[in-house]
Amino acid sequence: MEMHPVVANNITKYYKKYSRKHKFLTLKSALVSRTLFSDLKKDEIFKALNGVSFQIEEGKTVSIIGENGSGKSTLLKILAGISKPTGGEIITRGRISALIELGAGFHPEISGRENIFINGIILGLSKKKIQEKFDDIVRFAELEEFIDNPVKSYSSGMYMRLGFSIAINVDPDILLIDEVLAVGDAAFVPRCLDKINEFKRQGKTIIFVSHDLSTVERISDEVIWLKNGNIEMQGYPKRVTDAYLEYIGNRSLKRAAEQHREEAGKHDGNEKNWGSQEIVIERVRMTSSDGTEKYLFQPNEPLSIEMDVCANVRHDDFVFGIGIFNSEGTRVYGTNTLIENLESRNIEGNVKVKITIPALNLINGSYYLDVAVHKRDGYPFDYHHFQHTFQVNSLHKDIGIVRVPHEWQFSGNIQFQKINEE
């Protein structure tokens, strides 16, 4: 029978919520006022984890993703033995080292040196073994000048560096890492990822919790998506992160649409839609290259905007246009048929208008779409302002407004290696 280093069987974790109607500062005051039992009366049970089961193969790196409150950190604390499950069973095989909460396990009043020895002993190392590894721990953490200072004087980045260095130098079989890398120094995080890749090559088992999906995809063999304390999806990293991004994007769009409807209800309808209605844009759709209606795109994906238009009376002076705006209201792009030297001749009855953008090249975010039909002099037939939205989910970290196509080239004695390459 194959042995797995980590097995979770039907893990549940419940937290009790208590009434806050009668707050008190001390047990004595509660007893005096006879409110102890009423204040501690259970209102409800919050399910942080609800029957979570999985197995992790030896030497695999598994990332856990999900929104805040989904149960990620609770699960990691149970795996580390910091917290006990309400129900179910955790089976682990081998030495576990955990980097979970920033500064957890550090005594703020004593030095970094003393904290290294205390943490090493807690993790099962002898004093002699800690002495052997001490210089490596300090060197990797880049704290040579500060190691005898009390850790309460450390920055969050110094905390993270020391915690990570201790965690990796106790020679664990299983390494647990929570979101703490998010507060790391920019120059130190790549070194952490290099060390994680080194652990992978050594056949260590790693469980990694992060919101950084690009890192998750890069280092993981498998991804678990937690949602409301349940495993929503588990499997190949790209497949799971794409599904998660689509869920987040669709939810954001739903919220945006609700907000737009609320805002529209506060104002006159003409603020979002105006024109003489001699030509009417009856329907607007955004579609992918295969014609499927969608509102969540990757930056290199094509986007088609389709309009169903009705002209009850024949016209020969008309212009169709679009405008794309980011969430701050900045115009990202705009064009129309007149700008592109298409001279109108005739429109009558029901027609379809379609514009295709081969690659969006936009950075991550929410966008608003304006569509319009008007005369050449700007006289509006029908103008839809900020009534249509779509989302771009990008794993790239570039900034600005658009993602400009580009490539790097180098010559001479200069060398780079892609971070995602081992």
Foldseek 3Di string as FASTA:
>chain_A
DDDFQKWWFFFKAKDFDWDPPDDDDDPVVCVVVVCVCVRRDTDDIAILAGGETDTDHFLFEEEEEEDPSLNPLVVLCCQVVVDPTPDTDMHGDWQEFEDRDQCPQADQAFFLQVSLQSVLVVSPDDSVLSVVCVVVLCVQLVCPVGRRPRCNPPDSQSSSSNSLSSRVSSPTLEYEYEASLVPHDPVNSLVSLVSLVVSSVVRGYYYYYHPLLVSNLLRGQKYFYGGSNYGPDIGRSVVVVVVVVQVVFVVVVVVVLVVVVVVCVVDPVVVFKDAPQLKDFPDKFKAFPVRHTDFEAAQFTKIKIKTKMAHADKDQFKKKKKWKAFPVRHTLDIDICVNVVNHGGIDHGIDMDMDMDNGNQWDWGKMFMKIFMAGPVRRGNMIGHRNDMGGYDYSDDDDDTGRDDDDDDDDDPDDDDDSSPD
